[in-house]
Structure formats: C-alpha cells, structure tokens
Amino acid sequence: MPEVRFVVRWPDASTDDCYSPSTAIKEHLDAGTPYALAEFLARSRSGLTAASERVRAKYGFACSSAMDQLARIERRAAAFQDDCEAVVRVERFLS
C-alpha cells in the first residue's frame, strides 16, 4: 500500500509534514487549495479515516499511525479555532 506524505501550511505560515498510510487522502485534500479551518479538519478526518480503513481491509487492522496523524492535526488546529478567517493549505504531496 503506497503511503503518502504531505506538507500542510497553517494560518501562521508554519508548516507540518504529515503522513497517510494510503493514497486515500488525495481523494479528500488537494494540493494548493486553501481550506477554511473547519473544512480542512473535516477533510483530514474523512481522508485519514478512509486511509486507515484501507489498511484494515488489506491487513485486518486499522492504521494507528493515521489516527495519530489526525490527532496531531487536530491539536495543531486548536490554536487557530478562534480565528474565523483561518485558512489551511496543503502545499504539496511528497509521494
């Protein structure tokens, strides 16, 4: 199963390297597209959950790394929750 790494730019211009265990994340996030914070979180949840479920379908167990990545994204996003204009962008997919 091909894993995917992607770079996220947060509203404060900092970046994080993120991980997905499958290409399913690419069905939920597009590189270069600005997302309102809530939409980015919803798309990240659905994409990383789908990626984890692909692992479950293939190996019989969910991917804890996908859920760990989602938790990191949610913790980071919490810093911007009071900013109604917060925008997050996936800069690029690395693989």
PDB file of N, CA and C in Angstrom:
ATOM      1  N   MET A   1       0.855  -1.170   0.000  1.00  0.00           N
ATOM      2  CA  MET A   1       0.000   0.000   0.000  1.00  0.00           C
ATOM      3  C   MET A   1       0.902   1.235   0.000  1.00  0.00           C
ATOM      4  N   PRO A   2       0.728   2.103  -0.981  1.00  0.00           N
ATOM      5  CA  PRO A   2       1.613   3.275  -1.038  1.00  0.00           C
ATOM      6  C   PRO A   2       1.250   4.328   0.001  1.00  0.00           C
ATOM      7  N   GLU A   3       2.218   4.669   0.827  1.00  0.00           N
ATOM      8  CA  GLU A   3       1.997   5.732   1.796  1.00  0.00           C
ATOM      9  C   GLU A   3       2.179   7.077   1.111  1.00  0.00           C
ATOM     10  N   VAL A   4       1.643   8.107   1.733  1.00  0.00           N
ATOM     11  CA  VAL A   4       1.715   9.459   1.187  1.00  0.00           C
ATOM     12  C   VAL A   4       2.131  10.408   2.302  1.00  0.00           C
ATOM     13  N   ARG A   5       3.053  11.257   1.994  1.00  0.00           N
ATOM     14  CA  ARG A   5       3.420  12.346   2.896  1.00  0.00           C
ATOM     15  C   ARG A   5       2.960  13.638   2.238  1.00  0.00           C
ATOM     16  N   PHE A   6       2.512  14.578   3.075  1.00  0.00           N
ATOM     17  CA  PHE A   6       2.038  15.846   2.536  1.00  0.00           C
ATOM     18  C   PHE A   6       2.400  16.974   3.493  1.00  0.00           C
ATOM     19  N   VAL A   7       2.588  18.148   2.933  1.00  0.00           N
ATOM     20  CA  VAL A   7       3.008  19.315   3.702  1.00  0.00           C
ATOM     21  C   VAL A   7       1.807  20.247   3.864  1.00  0.00           C
ATOM     22  N   VAL A   8       1.533  20.599   5.106  1.00  0.00           N
ATOM     23  CA  VAL A   8       0.405  21.479   5.445  1.00  0.00           C
ATOM     24  C   VAL A   8       0.954  22.824   5.903  1.00  0.00           C
ATOM     25  N   ARG A   9       0.411  23.901   5.345  1.00  0.00           N
ATOM     26  CA  ARG A   9       0.759  25.255   5.794  1.00  0.00           C
ATOM     27  C   ARG A   9      -0.403  25.787   6.628  1.00  0.00           C
ATOM     28  N   TRP A  10      -0.076  26.138   7.860  1.00  0.00           N
ATOM     29  CA  TRP A  10      -1.068  26.623   8.819  1.00  0.00           C
ATOM     30  C   TRP A  10      -1.273  28.132   8.674  1.00  0.00           C
ATOM     31  N   PRO A  11      -2.302  28.687   9.303  1.00  0.00           N
ATOM     32  CA  PRO A  11      -2.573  30.125   9.184  1.00  0.00           C
ATOM     33  C   PRO A  11      -1.430  31.032   9.647  1.00  0.00           C
ATOM     34  N   ASP A  12      -0.558  30.537  10.518  1.00  0.00           N
ATOM     35  CA  ASP A  12       0.570  31.352  10.971  1.00  0.00           C
ATOM     36  C   ASP A  12       1.793  31.194  10.070  1.00  0.00           C
ATOM     37  N   ALA A  13       1.629  30.543   8.926  1.00  0.00           N
ATOM     38  CA  ALA A  13       2.656  30.312   7.906  1.00  0.00           C
ATOM     39  C   ALA A  13       3.642  29.205   8.268  1.00  0.00           C
ATOM     40  N   SER A  14       3.466  28.560   9.416  1.00  0.00           N
ATOM     41  CA  SER A  14       4.315  27.412   9.746  1.00  0.00           C
ATOM     42  C   SER A  14       3.829  26.204   8.937  1.00  0.00           C
ATOM     43  N   THR A  15       4.706  25.213   8.811  1.00  0.00           N
ATOM     44  CA  THR A  15       4.342  24.018   8.061  1.00  0.00           C
ATOM     45  C   THR A  15       4.561  22.775   8.903  1.00  0.00           C
ATOM     46  N   ASP A  16       3.829  21.734   8.566  1.00  0.00           N
ATOM     47  CA  ASP A  16       3.996  20.410   9.166  1.00  0.00           C
ATOM     48  C   ASP A  16       4.057  19.385   8.058  1.00  0.00           C
ATOM     49  N   ASP A  17       4.930  18.415   8.225  1.00  0.00           N
ATOM     50  CA  ASP A  17       4.953  17.251   7.344  1.00  0.00           C
ATOM     51  C   ASP A  17       3.998  16.234   7.928  1.00  0.00           C
ATOM     52  N   CYS A  18       3.068  15.762   7.122  1.00  0.00           N
ATOM     53  CA  CYS A  18       2.039  14.837   7.581  1.00  0.00           C
ATOM     54  C   CYS A  18       2.132  13.508   6.834  1.00  0.00           C
ATOM     55  N   TYR A  19       1.478  12.488   7.391  1.00  0.00           N
ATOM     56  CA  TYR A  19       1.575  11.127   6.879  1.00  0.00           C
ATOM     57  C   TYR A  19       0.189  10.521   6.694  1.00  0.00           C
ATOM     58  N   SER A  20       0.031   9.776   5.614  1.00  0.00           N
ATOM     59  CA  SER A  20      -1.151   8.949   5.393  1.00  0.00           C
ATOM     60  C   SER A  20      -0.663   7.578   4.928  1.00  0.00           C
ATOM     61  N   PRO A  21      -1.258   6.506   5.423  1.00  0.00           N
ATOM     62  CA  PRO A  21      -0.813   5.176   5.025  1.00  0.00           C
ATOM     63  C   PRO A  21      -1.252   4.771   3.625  1.00  0.00           C
ATOM     64  N   SER A  22      -2.086   5.578   2.999  1.00  0.00           N
ATOM     65  CA  SER A  22      -2.513   5.250   1.638  1.00  0.00           C
ATOM     66  C   SER A  22      -2.832   6.523   0.864  1.00  0.00           C
ATOM     67  N   THR A  23      -3.030   6.348  -0.422  1.00  0.00           N
ATOM     68  CA  THR A  23      -3.357   7.480  -1.288  1.00  0.00           C
ATOM     69  C   THR A  23      -4.786   7.973  -1.097  1.00  0.00           C
ATOM     70  N   ALA A  24      -5.558   7.328  -0.240  1.00  0.00           N
ATOM     71  CA  ALA A  24      -6.943   7.752   0.007  1.00  0.00           C
ATOM     72  C   ALA A  24      -7.028   9.219   0.403  1.00  0.00           C
ATOM     73  N   ILE A  25      -6.001   9.730   1.057  1.00  0.00           N
ATOM     74  CA  ILE A  25      -6.014  11.131   1.483  1.00  0.00           C
ATOM     75  C   ILE A  25      -6.138  12.076   0.291  1.00  0.00           C
ATOM     76  N   LYS A  26      -5.603  11.663  -0.855  1.00  0.00           N
ATOM     77  CA  LYS A  26      -5.658  12.510  -2.054  1.00  0.00           C
ATOM     78  C   LYS A  26      -7.074  12.648  -2.610  1.00  0.00           C
ATOM     79  N   GLU A  27      -7.980  11.801  -2.169  1.00  0.00           N
ATOM     80  CA  GLU A  27      -9.378  11.916  -2.577  1.00  0.00           C
ATOM     81  C   GLU A  27     -10.117  12.946  -1.730  1.00  0.00           C
ATOM     82  N   HIS A  28      -9.462  13.430  -0.674  1.00  0.00           N
ATOM     83  CA  HIS A  28     -10.111  14.342   0.266  1.00  0.00           C
ATOM     84  C   HIS A  28      -9.441  15.713   0.347  1.00  0.00           C
ATOM     85  N   LEU A  29      -8.161  15.774   0.006  1.00  0.00           N
ATOM     86  CA  LEU A  29      -7.416  17.030   0.039  1.00  0.00           C
ATOM     87  C   LEU A  29      -6.719  17.237  -1.298  1.00  0.00           C
ATOM     88  N   ASP A  30      -6.682  18.478  -1.742  1.00  0.00           N
ATOM     89  CA  ASP A  30      -5.994  18.829  -2.986  1.00  0.00           C
ATOM     90  C   ASP A  30      -4.836  19.763  -2.682  1.00  0.00           C
ATOM     91  N   ALA A  31      -3.704  19.498  -3.288  1.00  0.00           N
ATOM     92  CA  ALA A  31      -2.542  20.369  -3.120  1.00  0.00           C
ATOM     93  C   ALA A  31      -2.842  21.746  -3.703  1.00  0.00           C
ATOM     94  N   GLY A  32      -2.453  22.772  -2.957  1.00  0.00           N
ATOM     95  CA  GLY A  32      -2.614  24.141  -3.416  1.00  0.00           C
ATOM     96  C   GLY A  32      -3.956  24.773  -3.128  1.00  0.00           C
ATOM     97  N   THR A  33      -4.901  23.993  -2.652  1.00  0.00           N
ATOM     98  CA  THR A  33      -6.236  24.518  -2.379  1.00  0.00           C
ATOM     99  C   THR A  33      -6.323  25.068  -0.964  1.00  0.00           C
ATOM    100  N   PRO A  34      -6.753  26.313  -0.810  1.00  0.00           N
ATOM    101  CA  PRO A  34      -6.944  26.856   0.542  1.00  0.00           C
ATOM    102  C   PRO A  34      -8.268  26.346   1.121  1.00  0.00           C
ATOM    103  N   TYR A  35      -8.214  25.889   2.355  1.00  0.00           N
ATOM    104  CA  TYR A  35      -9.411  25.390   3.035  1.00  0.00           C
ATOM    105  C   TYR A  35      -9.636  26.193   4.306  1.00  0.00           C
ATOM    106  N   ALA A  36     -10.887  26.560   4.551  1.00  0.00           N
ATOM    107  CA  ALA A  36     -11.225  27.106   5.858  1.00  0.00           C
ATOM    108  C   ALA A  36     -10.873  26.035   6.885  1.00  0.00           C
ATOM    109  N   LEU A  37     -10.490  26.445   8.084  1.00  0.00           N
ATOM    110  CA  LEU A  37     -10.009  25.515   9.097  1.00  0.00           C
ATOM    111  C   LEU A  37     -10.980  24.354   9.334  1.00  0.00           C
ATOM    112  N   ALA A  38     -12.255  24.641   9.491  1.00  0.00           N
ATOM    113  CA  ALA A  38     -13.236  23.584   9.759  1.00  0.00           C
ATOM    114  C   ALA A  38     -13.323  22.603   8.592  1.00  0.00           C
ATOM    115  N   GLU A  39     -13.261  23.114   7.387  1.00  0.00           N
ATOM    116  CA  GLU A  39     -13.313  22.230   6.219  1.00  0.00           C
ATOM    117  C   GLU A  39     -12.050  21.372   6.134  1.00  0.00           C
ATOM    118  N   PHE A  40     -10.899  21.975   6.407  1.00  0.00           N
ATOM    119  CA  PHE A  40      -9.655  21.203   6.404  1.00  0.00           C
ATOM    120  C   PHE A  40      -9.723  20.076   7.429  1.00  0.00           C
ATOM    121  N   LEU A  41     -10.224  20.378   8.608  1.00  0.00           N
ATOM    122  CA  LEU A  41     -10.336  19.344   9.638  1.00  0.00           C
ATOM    123  C   LEU A  41     -11.288  18.235   9.205  1.00  0.00           C
ATOM    124  N   ALA A  42     -12.419  18.594   8.643  1.00  0.00           N
ATOM    125  CA  ALA A  42     -13.384  17.582   8.190  1.00  0.00           C
ATOM    126  C   ALA A  42     -12.786  16.714   7.087  1.00  0.00           C
ATOM    127  N   ARG A  43     -12.100  17.331   6.152  1.00  0.00           N
ATOM    128  CA  ARG A  43     -11.489  16.578   5.054  1.00  0.00           C
ATOM    129  C   ARG A  43     -10.340  15.698   5.560  1.00  0.00           C
ATOM    130  N   SER A  44      -9.578  16.210   6.512  1.00  0.00           N
ATOM    131  CA  SER A  44      -8.492  15.418   7.089  1.00  0.00           C
ATOM    132  C   SER A  44      -9.054  14.206   7.827  1.00  0.00           C
ATOM    133  N   ARG A  45     -10.110  14.421   8.598  1.00  0.00           N
ATOM    134  CA  ARG A  45     -10.746  13.304   9.318  1.00  0.00           C
ATOM    135  C   ARG A  45     -11.238  12.242   8.346  1.00  0.00           C
ATOM    136  N   SER A  46     -11.954  12.669   7.320  1.00  0.00           N
ATOM    137  CA  SER A  46     -12.509  11.681   6.388  1.00  0.00           C
ATOM    138  C   SER A  46     -11.398  11.000   5.588  1.00  0.00           C
ATOM    139  N   GLY A  47     -10.383  11.752   5.185  1.00  0.00           N
ATOM    140  CA  GLY A  47      -9.297  11.178   4.399  1.00  0.00           C
ATOM    141  C   GLY A  47      -8.434  10.214   5.186  1.00  0.00           C
ATOM    142  N   LEU A  48      -8.073  10.594   6.401  1.00  0.00           N
ATOM    143  CA  LEU A  48      -7.236   9.707   7.206  1.00  0.00           C
ATOM    144  C   LEU A  48      -8.012   8.505   7.721  1.00  0.00           C
ATOM    145  N   THR A  49      -9.298   8.673   7.959  1.00  0.00           N
ATOM    146  CA  THR A  49     -10.132   7.523   8.337  1.00  0.00           C
ATOM    147  C   THR A  49     -10.243   6.558   7.162  1.00  0.00           C
ATOM    148  N   ALA A  50     -10.456   7.077   5.969  1.00  0.00           N
ATOM    149  CA  ALA A  50     -10.523   6.227   4.776  1.00  0.00           C
ATOM    150  C   ALA A  50      -9.198   5.497   4.561  1.00  0.00           C
ATOM    151  N   ALA A  51      -8.095   6.200   4.767  1.00  0.00           N
ATOM    152  CA  ALA A  51      -6.776   5.572   4.613  1.00  0.00           C
ATOM    153  C   ALA A  51      -6.601   4.450   5.627  1.00  0.00           C
ATOM    154  N   SER A  52      -7.009   4.700   6.855  1.00  0.00           N
ATOM    155  CA  SER A  52      -6.910   3.676   7.890  1.00  0.00           C
ATOM    156  C   SER A  52      -7.788   2.466   7.558  1.00  0.00           C
ATOM    157  N   GLU A  53      -8.957   2.730   7.002  1.00  0.00           N
ATOM    158  CA  GLU A  53      -9.856   1.630   6.628  1.00  0.00           C
ATOM    159  C   GLU A  53      -9.299   0.813   5.464  1.00  0.00           C
ATOM    160  N   ARG A  54      -8.563   1.444   4.579  1.00  0.00           N
ATOM    161  CA  ARG A  54      -7.897   0.673   3.508  1.00  0.00           C
ATOM    162  C   ARG A  54      -6.879  -0.294   4.098  1.00  0.00           C
ATOM    163  N   VAL A  55      -6.175   0.177   5.122  1.00  0.00           N
ATOM    164  CA  VAL A  55      -5.229  -0.707   5.810  1.00  0.00           C
ATOM    165  C   VAL A  55      -5.997  -1.860   6.455  1.00  0.00           C
ATOM    166  N   ARG A  56      -7.109  -1.554   7.105  1.00  0.00           N
ATOM    167  CA  ARG A  56      -7.926  -2.602   7.742  1.00  0.00           C
ATOM    168  C   ARG A  56      -8.390  -3.632   6.709  1.00  0.00           C
ATOM    169  N   ALA A  57      -8.835  -3.159   5.564  1.00  0.00           N
ATOM    170  CA  ALA A  57      -9.322  -4.076   4.524  1.00  0.00           C
ATOM    171  C   ALA A  57      -8.211  -5.001   4.027  1.00  0.00           C
ATOM    172  N   LYS A  58      -7.011  -4.477   3.971  1.00  0.00           N
ATOM    173  CA  LYS A  58      -5.898  -5.277   3.445  1.00  0.00           C
ATOM    174  C   LYS A  58      -5.254  -6.167   4.509  1.00  0.00           C
ATOM    175  N   TYR A  59      -5.085  -5.640   5.718  1.00  0.00           N
ATOM    176  CA  TYR A  59      -4.316  -6.343   6.747  1.00  0.00           C
ATOM    177  C   TYR A  59      -5.138  -6.827   7.944  1.00  0.00           C
ATOM    178  N   GLY A  60      -6.385  -6.398   8.027  1.00  0.00           N
ATOM    179  CA  GLY A  60      -7.234  -6.858   9.120  1.00  0.00           C
ATOM    180  C   GLY A  60      -7.203  -5.999  10.370  1.00  0.00           C
ATOM    181  N   PHE A  61      -6.497  -4.879  10.337  1.00  0.00           N
ATOM    182  CA  PHE A  61      -6.462  -3.967  11.478  1.00  0.00           C
ATOM    183  C   PHE A  61      -6.313  -2.544  10.971  1.00  0.00           C
ATOM    184  N   ALA A  62      -6.864  -1.605  11.733  1.00  0.00           N
ATOM    185  CA  ALA A  62      -6.792  -0.193  11.356  1.00  0.00           C
ATOM    186  C   ALA A  62      -5.371   0.324  11.527  1.00  0.00           C
ATOM    187  N   CYS A  63      -5.084   1.453  10.922  1.00  0.00           N
ATOM    188  CA  CYS A  63      -3.744   2.041  10.996  1.00  0.00           C
ATOM    189  C   CYS A  63      -3.687   3.073  12.119  1.00  0.00           C
ATOM    190  N   SER A  64      -2.979   2.739  13.176  1.00  0.00           N
ATOM    191  CA  SER A  64      -2.860   3.669  14.295  1.00  0.00           C
ATOM    192  C   SER A  64      -2.059   4.917  13.900  1.00  0.00           C
ATOM    193  N   SER A  65      -1.156   4.795  12.944  1.00  0.00           N
ATOM    194  CA  SER A  65      -0.384   5.966  12.504  1.00  0.00           C
ATOM    195  C   SER A  65      -1.280   7.015  11.859  1.00  0.00           C
ATOM    196  N   ALA A  66      -2.294   6.584  11.129  1.00  0.00           N
ATOM    197  CA  ALA A  66      -3.238   7.533  10.525  1.00  0.00           C
ATOM    198  C   ALA A  66      -4.013   8.273  11.611  1.00  0.00           C
ATOM    199  N   MET A  67      -4.440   7.541  12.637  1.00  0.00           N
ATOM    200  CA  MET A  67      -5.190   8.177  13.721  1.00  0.00           C
ATOM    201  C   MET A  67      -4.282   9.074  14.561  1.00  0.00           C
ATOM    202  N   ASP A  68      -3.020   8.690  14.725  1.00  0.00           N
ATOM    203  CA  ASP A  68      -2.064   9.552  15.417  1.00  0.00           C
ATOM    204  C   ASP A  68      -1.859  10.851  14.645  1.00  0.00           C
ATOM    205  N   GLN A  69      -1.757  10.744  13.308  1.00  0.00           N
ATOM    206  CA  GLN A  69      -1.589  11.943  12.480  1.00  0.00           C
ATOM    207  C   GLN A  69      -2.808  12.841  12.608  1.00  0.00           C
ATOM    208  N   LEU A  70      -3.988  12.258  12.585  1.00  0.00           N
ATOM    209  CA  LEU A  70      -5.205  13.046  12.741  1.00  0.00           C
ATOM    210  C   LEU A  70      -5.202  13.776  14.087  1.00  0.00           C
ATOM    211  N   ALA A  71      -4.798  13.102  15.133  1.00  0.00           N
ATOM    212  CA  ALA A  71      -4.738  13.735  16.457  1.00  0.00           C
ATOM    213  C   ALA A  71      -3.760  14.912  16.453  1.00  0.00           C
ATOM    214  N   ARG A  72      -2.620  14.757  15.786  1.00  0.00           N
ATOM    215  CA  ARG A  72      -1.654  15.862  15.696  1.00  0.00           C
ATOM    216  C   ARG A  72      -2.257  17.039  14.926  1.00  0.00           C
ATOM    217  N   ILE A  73      -2.946  16.753  13.836  1.00  0.00           N
ATOM    218  CA  ILE A  73      -3.591  17.818  13.058  1.00  0.00           C
ATOM    219  C   ILE A  73      -4.632  18.538  13.915  1.00  0.00           C
ATOM    220  N   GLU A  74      -5.434  17.791  14.644  1.00  0.00           N
ATOM    221  CA  GLU A  74      -6.481  18.400  15.472  1.00  0.00           C
ATOM    222  C   GLU A  74      -5.887  19.249  16.595  1.00  0.00           C
ATOM    223  N   ARG A  75      -4.805  18.768  17.198  1.00  0.00           N
ATOM    224  CA  ARG A  75      -4.150  19.562  18.251  1.00  0.00           C
ATOM    225  C   ARG A  75      -3.590  20.863  17.676  1.00  0.00           C
ATOM    226  N   ARG A  76      -2.967  20.776  16.524  1.00  0.00           N
ATOM    227  CA  ARG A  76      -2.381  21.973  15.888  1.00  0.00           C
ATOM    228  C   ARG A  76      -3.475  22.959  15.485  1.00  0.00           C
ATOM    229  N   ALA A  77      -4.561  22.450  14.959  1.00  0.00           N
ATOM    230  CA  ALA A  77      -5.668  23.300  14.515  1.00  0.00           C
ATOM    231  C   ALA A  77      -6.335  24.030  15.673  1.00  0.00           C
ATOM    232  N   ALA A  78      -6.296  23.448  16.851  1.00  0.00           N
ATOM    233  CA  ALA A  78      -6.929  24.065  18.018  1.00  0.00           C
ATOM    234  C   ALA A  78      -6.373  25.465  18.291  1.00  0.00           C
ATOM    235  N   ALA A  79      -5.123  25.698  17.925  1.00  0.00           N
ATOM    236  CA  ALA A  79      -4.514  27.016  18.141  1.00  0.00           C
ATOM    237  C   ALA A  79      -5.175  28.113  17.310  1.00  0.00           C
ATOM    238  N   PHE A  80      -5.884  27.723  16.267  1.00  0.00           N
ATOM    239  CA  PHE A  80      -6.482  28.701  15.348  1.00  0.00           C
ATOM    240  C   PHE A  80      -8.010  28.714  15.402  1.00  0.00           C
ATOM    241  N   GLN A  81      -8.596  27.970  16.316  1.00  0.00           N
ATOM    242  CA  GLN A  81     -10.051  27.813  16.336  1.00  0.00           C
ATOM    243  C   GLN A  81     -10.824  29.110  16.555  1.00  0.00           C
ATOM    244  N   ASP A  82     -10.206  30.089  17.178  1.00  0.00           N
ATOM    245  CA  ASP A  82     -10.896  31.363  17.420  1.00  0.00           C
ATOM    246  C   ASP A  82     -10.775  32.338  16.257  1.00  0.00           C
ATOM    247  N   ASP A  83     -10.022  31.975  15.247  1.00  0.00           N
ATOM    248  CA  ASP A  83      -9.824  32.832  14.072  1.00  0.00           C
ATOM    249  C   ASP A  83     -10.791  32.386  12.979  1.00  0.00           C
ATOM    250  N   CYS A  84     -11.859  33.129  12.804  1.00  0.00           N
ATOM    251  CA  CYS A  84     -12.893  32.731  11.833  1.00  0.00           C
ATOM    252  C   CYS A  84     -12.407  32.824  10.386  1.00  0.00           C
ATOM    253  N   GLU A  85     -11.259  33.458  10.170  1.00  0.00           N
ATOM    254  CA  GLU A  85     -10.707  33.568   8.817  1.00  0.00           C
ATOM    255  C   GLU A  85      -9.507  32.648   8.601  1.00  0.00           C
ATOM    256  N   ALA A  86      -9.268  31.733   9.519  1.00  0.00           N
ATOM    257  CA  ALA A  86      -8.115  30.830   9.422  1.00  0.00           C
ATOM    258  C   ALA A  86      -8.232  29.949   8.182  1.00  0.00           C
ATOM    259  N   VAL A  87      -7.140  29.914   7.421  1.00  0.00           N
ATOM    260  CA  VAL A  87      -7.078  29.122   6.191  1.00  0.00           C
ATOM    261  C   VAL A  87      -5.874  28.191   6.281  1.00  0.00           C
ATOM    262  N   VAL A  88      -6.080  26.951   5.868  1.00  0.00           N
ATOM    263  CA  VAL A  88      -5.028  25.937   5.846  1.00  0.00           C
ATOM    264  C   VAL A  88      -4.873  25.484   4.395  1.00  0.00           C
ATOM    265  N   ARG A  89      -3.636  25.236   4.005  1.00  0.00           N
ATOM    266  CA  ARG A  89      -3.370  24.812   2.627  1.00  0.00           C
ATOM    267  C   ARG A  89      -2.457  23.584   2.658  1.00  0.00           C
ATOM    268  N   VAL A  90      -2.782  22.607   1.836  1.00  0.00           N
ATOM    269  CA  VAL A  90      -1.857  21.502   1.599  1.00  0.00           C
ATOM    270  C   VAL A  90      -0.900  22.004   0.523  1.00  0.00           C
ATOM    271  N   GLU A  91       0.335  22.209   0.883  1.00  0.00           N
ATOM    272  CA  GLU A  91       1.310  22.763  -0.043  1.00  0.00           C
ATOM    273  C   GLU A  91       1.615  21.774  -1.181  1.00  0.00           C
ATOM    274  N   ARG A  92       1.857  20.519  -0.789  1.00  0.00           N
ATOM    275  CA  ARG A  92       2.196  19.523  -1.802  1.00  0.00           C
ATOM    276  C   ARG A  92       2.143  18.126  -1.207  1.00  0.00           C
ATOM    277  N   PHE A  93       1.987  17.170  -2.078  1.00  0.00           N
ATOM    278  CA  PHE A  93       2.104  15.756  -1.732  1.00  0.00           C
ATOM    279  C   PHE A  93       3.510  15.340  -2.113  1.00  0.00           C
ATOM    280  N   LEU A  94       4.180  14.624  -1.217  1.00  0.00           N
ATOM    281  CA  LEU A  94       5.558  14.244  -1.448  1.00  0.00           C
ATOM    282  C   LEU A  94       5.680  12.865  -2.085  1.00  0.00           C
ATOM    283  N   SER A  95       4.677  12.053  -1.978  1.00  0.00           N
ATOM    284  CA  SER A  95       4.723  10.730  -2.604  1.00  0.00           C
ATOM    285  C   SER A  95       3.325  10.228  -2.882  1.00  0.00           C
TER     286      SER A  95
END
